[in-house]
Amino acid sequence: MLIRLVKMQFNADFVEEFQENFKALQPQITAFKGCSSVQLLKDKNTENQIFFTISHWEDEADLEAYRCSPLFRETWARLKPNFSTKAEAWSLLAP
């Protein structure tokens, strides 16, 4: 299993829209082959501007198929102009 952790920091005026969009997108992401779950978390020490997604994938090929999908590309195109800092991402394996 592959765990994908993505840190995103948004401009304050986009936060509410992002959270609403994520609620709609979460079931679509989870429906992708190899994705068992995706969760949204926010940093407790900021003004709701730093978020993390944690997704669980069967393997890297499934994650890459999602990253090449129209859903991901369209979503990322909407998010990217609203980042206040560059997003960071890690692919993790349990030891």
N, C-alpha and C. Protein backbone atom coordinates (compact mmCIF):
# COMPACT_ATOMS: atom_id res chain seq x y z
N MET A 1 0.84 -1.18 0.00
CA MET A 1 0.00 0.00 0.00
C MET A 1 0.88 1.24 0.00
N LEU A 2 0.44 2.23 -0.75
CA LEU A 2 1.12 3.51 -0.86
C LEU A 2 0.24 4.58 -0.22
N ILE A 3 0.82 5.40 0.61
CA ILE A 3 0.09 6.50 1.24
C ILE A 3 0.63 7.80 0.65
N ARG A 4 -0.27 8.62 0.18
CA ARG A 4 0.11 9.90 -0.43
C ARG A 4 -0.33 11.02 0.49
N LEU A 5 0.62 11.85 0.88
CA LEU A 5 0.37 13.00 1.76
C LEU A 5 0.67 14.26 0.95
N VAL A 6 -0.31 15.15 0.87
CA VAL A 6 -0.14 16.40 0.13
C VAL A 6 -0.48 17.56 1.06
N LYS A 7 0.45 18.51 1.15
CA LYS A 7 0.25 19.72 1.96
C LYS A 7 -0.04 20.88 1.02
N MET A 8 -1.14 21.59 1.30
CA MET A 8 -1.55 22.72 0.47
C MET A 8 -1.88 23.90 1.36
N GLN A 9 -1.40 25.06 0.98
CA GLN A 9 -1.73 26.29 1.70
C GLN A 9 -2.38 27.24 0.71
N PHE A 10 -3.59 27.70 1.05
CA PHE A 10 -4.39 28.50 0.14
C PHE A 10 -4.49 29.95 0.58
N ASN A 11 -4.80 30.80 -0.39
CA ASN A 11 -5.17 32.17 -0.09
C ASN A 11 -6.46 32.12 0.73
N ALA A 12 -6.58 33.01 1.69
CA ALA A 12 -7.72 32.98 2.63
C ALA A 12 -9.07 33.03 1.93
N ASP A 13 -9.17 33.77 0.84
CA ASP A 13 -10.47 33.91 0.18
C ASP A 13 -10.90 32.68 -0.61
N PHE A 14 -10.04 31.66 -0.70
CA PHE A 14 -10.36 30.45 -1.45
C PHE A 14 -10.69 29.26 -0.54
N VAL A 15 -10.43 29.38 0.74
CA VAL A 15 -10.55 28.26 1.68
C VAL A 15 -11.94 27.64 1.68
N GLU A 16 -12.97 28.44 1.78
CA GLU A 16 -14.34 27.90 1.84
C GLU A 16 -14.68 27.15 0.54
N GLU A 17 -14.33 27.73 -0.59
CA GLU A 17 -14.59 27.09 -1.88
C GLU A 17 -13.84 25.75 -1.98
N PHE A 18 -12.60 25.74 -1.52
CA PHE A 18 -11.81 24.50 -1.55
C PHE A 18 -12.49 23.40 -0.73
N GLN A 19 -12.92 23.73 0.48
CA GLN A 19 -13.55 22.73 1.34
C GLN A 19 -14.84 22.20 0.71
N GLU A 20 -15.62 23.06 0.10
CA GLU A 20 -16.85 22.62 -0.56
C GLU A 20 -16.53 21.71 -1.75
N ASN A 21 -15.53 22.11 -2.54
CA ASN A 21 -15.12 21.30 -3.69
C ASN A 21 -14.62 19.93 -3.25
N PHE A 22 -13.86 19.88 -2.17
CA PHE A 22 -13.32 18.61 -1.71
C PHE A 22 -14.45 17.64 -1.34
N LYS A 23 -15.48 18.14 -0.68
CA LYS A 23 -16.62 17.28 -0.32
C LYS A 23 -17.23 16.62 -1.56
N ALA A 24 -17.31 17.37 -2.65
CA ALA A 24 -17.88 16.83 -3.88
C ALA A 24 -16.91 15.87 -4.57
N LEU A 25 -15.62 16.15 -4.48
CA LEU A 25 -14.62 15.35 -5.17
C LEU A 25 -14.22 14.07 -4.43
N GLN A 26 -14.34 14.08 -3.12
CA GLN A 26 -13.87 12.94 -2.32
C GLN A 26 -14.43 11.60 -2.81
N PRO A 27 -15.74 11.45 -3.05
CA PRO A 27 -16.23 10.16 -3.53
C PRO A 27 -15.71 9.81 -4.93
N GLN A 28 -15.48 10.81 -5.76
CA GLN A 28 -14.96 10.55 -7.10
C GLN A 28 -13.51 10.05 -7.04
N ILE A 29 -12.73 10.62 -6.14
CA ILE A 29 -11.34 10.18 -5.99
C ILE A 29 -11.31 8.76 -5.43
N THR A 30 -12.11 8.51 -4.41
CA THR A 30 -12.14 7.19 -3.79
C THR A 30 -12.63 6.12 -4.77
N ALA A 31 -13.40 6.53 -5.77
CA ALA A 31 -13.90 5.58 -6.76
C ALA A 31 -12.83 5.15 -7.77
N PHE A 32 -11.70 5.85 -7.79
CA PHE A 32 -10.64 5.47 -8.71
C PHE A 32 -10.08 4.11 -8.34
N LYS A 33 -9.72 3.34 -9.38
CA LYS A 33 -9.10 2.02 -9.18
C LYS A 33 -7.89 2.16 -8.27
N GLY A 34 -7.87 1.35 -7.22
CA GLY A 34 -6.73 1.31 -6.32
C GLY A 34 -6.78 2.27 -5.15
N CYS A 35 -7.74 3.19 -5.12
CA CYS A 35 -7.84 4.14 -4.01
C CYS A 35 -8.82 3.60 -2.97
N SER A 36 -8.34 3.39 -1.77
CA SER A 36 -9.22 2.88 -0.72
C SER A 36 -9.79 4.00 0.16
N SER A 37 -9.11 5.15 0.19
CA SER A 37 -9.64 6.27 0.97
C SER A 37 -8.87 7.55 0.66
N VAL A 38 -9.53 8.67 0.89
CA VAL A 38 -8.89 9.98 0.83
C VAL A 38 -9.53 10.84 1.91
N GLN A 39 -8.68 11.52 2.65
CA GLN A 39 -9.15 12.28 3.81
C GLN A 39 -8.56 13.68 3.74
N LEU A 40 -9.31 14.67 4.18
CA LEU A 40 -8.86 16.05 4.26
C LEU A 40 -8.69 16.43 5.72
N LEU A 41 -7.54 17.00 6.03
CA LEU A 41 -7.25 17.49 7.38
C LEU A 41 -6.76 18.92 7.27
N LYS A 42 -6.97 19.70 8.34
CA LYS A 42 -6.45 21.07 8.35
C LYS A 42 -5.57 21.27 9.57
N ASP A 43 -4.60 22.14 9.40
CA ASP A 43 -3.68 22.44 10.48
C ASP A 43 -4.41 23.20 11.59
N LYS A 44 -4.25 22.77 12.82
CA LYS A 44 -4.98 23.40 13.92
C LYS A 44 -4.38 24.74 14.35
N ASN A 45 -3.18 25.04 13.89
CA ASN A 45 -2.50 26.25 14.35
C ASN A 45 -2.54 27.40 13.35
N THR A 46 -3.29 27.26 12.27
CA THR A 46 -3.38 28.35 11.30
C THR A 46 -4.84 28.74 11.13
N GLU A 47 -5.05 29.79 10.41
CA GLU A 47 -6.40 30.30 10.17
C GLU A 47 -7.09 29.51 9.05
N ASN A 48 -7.10 28.20 9.17
CA ASN A 48 -7.77 27.32 8.19
C ASN A 48 -7.18 27.43 6.79
N GLN A 49 -5.92 27.80 6.67
CA GLN A 49 -5.35 27.97 5.34
C GLN A 49 -4.41 26.84 4.95
N ILE A 50 -3.98 26.01 5.88
CA ILE A 50 -3.10 24.88 5.56
C ILE A 50 -3.90 23.59 5.68
N PHE A 51 -3.91 22.83 4.60
CA PHE A 51 -4.64 21.58 4.53
C PHE A 51 -3.72 20.45 4.10
N PHE A 52 -4.10 19.25 4.49
CA PHE A 52 -3.39 18.05 4.07
C PHE A 52 -4.43 17.07 3.54
N THR A 53 -4.08 16.40 2.46
CA THR A 53 -4.87 15.25 2.04
C THR A 53 -4.01 14.02 2.27
N ILE A 54 -4.66 12.98 2.74
CA ILE A 54 -4.01 11.68 2.92
C ILE A 54 -4.84 10.68 2.13
N SER A 55 -4.21 10.07 1.15
CA SER A 55 -4.91 9.08 0.35
C SER A 55 -4.16 7.76 0.38
N HIS A 56 -4.90 6.69 0.30
CA HIS A 56 -4.34 5.33 0.35
C HIS A 56 -4.57 4.67 -1.00
N TRP A 57 -3.48 4.18 -1.59
CA TRP A 57 -3.51 3.59 -2.92
C TRP A 57 -2.94 2.19 -2.88
N GLU A 58 -3.48 1.34 -3.73
CA GLU A 58 -3.00 -0.04 -3.82
C GLU A 58 -1.53 -0.06 -4.22
N ASP A 59 -1.17 0.77 -5.21
CA ASP A 59 0.23 0.84 -5.63
C ASP A 59 0.46 2.15 -6.39
N GLU A 60 1.71 2.38 -6.75
CA GLU A 60 2.08 3.63 -7.41
C GLU A 60 1.43 3.77 -8.80
N ALA A 61 1.22 2.66 -9.49
CA ALA A 61 0.60 2.72 -10.81
C ALA A 61 -0.82 3.27 -10.72
N ASP A 62 -1.56 2.89 -9.69
CA ASP A 62 -2.92 3.40 -9.51
C ASP A 62 -2.90 4.90 -9.21
N LEU A 63 -1.98 5.32 -8.36
CA LEU A 63 -1.85 6.75 -8.06
C LEU A 63 -1.49 7.52 -9.32
N GLU A 64 -0.57 6.99 -10.10
CA GLU A 64 -0.15 7.68 -11.32
C GLU A 64 -1.29 7.75 -12.33
N ALA A 65 -2.10 6.71 -12.42
CA ALA A 65 -3.26 6.73 -13.32
C ALA A 65 -4.22 7.85 -12.90
N TYR A 66 -4.43 8.01 -11.60
CA TYR A 66 -5.28 9.10 -11.11
C TYR A 66 -4.66 10.45 -11.45
N ARG A 67 -3.35 10.59 -11.24
CA ARG A 67 -2.67 11.86 -11.50
C ARG A 67 -2.70 12.24 -12.98
N CYS A 68 -2.87 11.27 -13.86
CA CYS A 68 -2.96 11.53 -15.30
C CYS A 68 -4.40 11.69 -15.78
N SER A 69 -5.35 11.55 -14.88
CA SER A 69 -6.77 11.60 -15.24
C SER A 69 -7.25 13.03 -15.47
N PRO A 70 -8.31 13.18 -16.27
CA PRO A 70 -8.92 14.51 -16.44
C PRO A 70 -9.40 15.10 -15.11
N LEU A 71 -9.93 14.26 -14.22
CA LEU A 71 -10.40 14.77 -12.92
C LEU A 71 -9.27 15.46 -12.17
N PHE A 72 -8.11 14.80 -12.09
CA PHE A 72 -6.99 15.39 -11.37
C PHE A 72 -6.51 16.66 -12.07
N ARG A 73 -6.33 16.59 -13.38
CA ARG A 73 -5.79 17.75 -14.11
C ARG A 73 -6.71 18.96 -14.00
N GLU A 74 -8.01 18.74 -14.12
CA GLU A 74 -8.97 19.85 -14.02
C GLU A 74 -9.00 20.42 -12.60
N THR A 75 -8.97 19.54 -11.62
CA THR A 75 -8.99 19.98 -10.23
C THR A 75 -7.73 20.77 -9.90
N TRP A 76 -6.58 20.23 -10.30
CA TRP A 76 -5.31 20.89 -10.00
C TRP A 76 -5.24 22.25 -10.68
N ALA A 77 -5.79 22.36 -11.88
CA ALA A 77 -5.80 23.63 -12.60
C ALA A 77 -6.61 24.69 -11.85
N ARG A 78 -7.68 24.27 -11.17
CA ARG A 78 -8.48 25.21 -10.36
C ARG A 78 -7.78 25.57 -9.06
N LEU A 79 -7.06 24.60 -8.47
CA LEU A 79 -6.42 24.84 -7.17
C LEU A 79 -5.16 25.70 -7.29
N LYS A 80 -4.34 25.38 -8.26
CA LYS A 80 -2.99 25.96 -8.34
C LYS A 80 -2.95 27.49 -8.25
N PRO A 81 -3.82 28.23 -8.94
CA PRO A 81 -3.76 29.69 -8.83
C PRO A 81 -4.11 30.22 -7.44
N ASN A 82 -4.68 29.38 -6.60
CA ASN A 82 -5.13 29.80 -5.27
C ASN A 82 -4.18 29.40 -4.15
N PHE A 83 -3.06 28.78 -4.49
CA PHE A 83 -2.06 28.44 -3.47
C PHE A 83 -1.34 29.70 -3.02
N SER A 84 -1.13 29.82 -1.73
CA SER A 84 -0.31 30.93 -1.23
C SER A 84 1.16 30.52 -1.15
N THR A 85 1.42 29.22 -1.11
CA THR A 85 2.77 28.67 -1.22
C THR A 85 2.69 27.41 -2.07
N LYS A 86 3.81 26.98 -2.59
CA LYS A 86 3.84 25.79 -3.43
C LYS A 86 3.41 24.56 -2.64
N ALA A 87 2.56 23.73 -3.25
CA ALA A 87 2.13 22.49 -2.59
C ALA A 87 3.32 21.54 -2.45
N GLU A 88 3.26 20.71 -1.42
CA GLU A 88 4.28 19.70 -1.18
C GLU A 88 3.60 18.34 -1.12
N ALA A 89 4.30 17.31 -1.61
CA ALA A 89 3.69 15.97 -1.62
C ALA A 89 4.75 14.92 -1.30
N TRP A 90 4.29 13.88 -0.60
CA TRP A 90 5.14 12.76 -0.25
C TRP A 90 4.40 11.46 -0.53
N SER A 91 5.10 10.48 -1.04
CA SER A 91 4.57 9.12 -1.18
C SER A 91 5.25 8.29 -0.10
N LEU A 92 4.45 7.66 0.73
CA LEU A 92 4.97 6.97 1.91
C LEU A 92 4.62 5.50 1.92
N LEU A 93 5.50 4.71 2.49
CA LEU A 93 5.28 3.27 2.69
C LEU A 93 5.41 2.98 4.17
N ALA A 94 4.60 2.06 4.67
CA ALA A 94 4.75 1.63 6.06
C ALA A 94 6.02 0.79 6.16
N PRO A 95 6.82 0.98 7.21
CA PRO A 95 8.06 0.21 7.34
C PRO A 95 7.81 -1.27 7.57
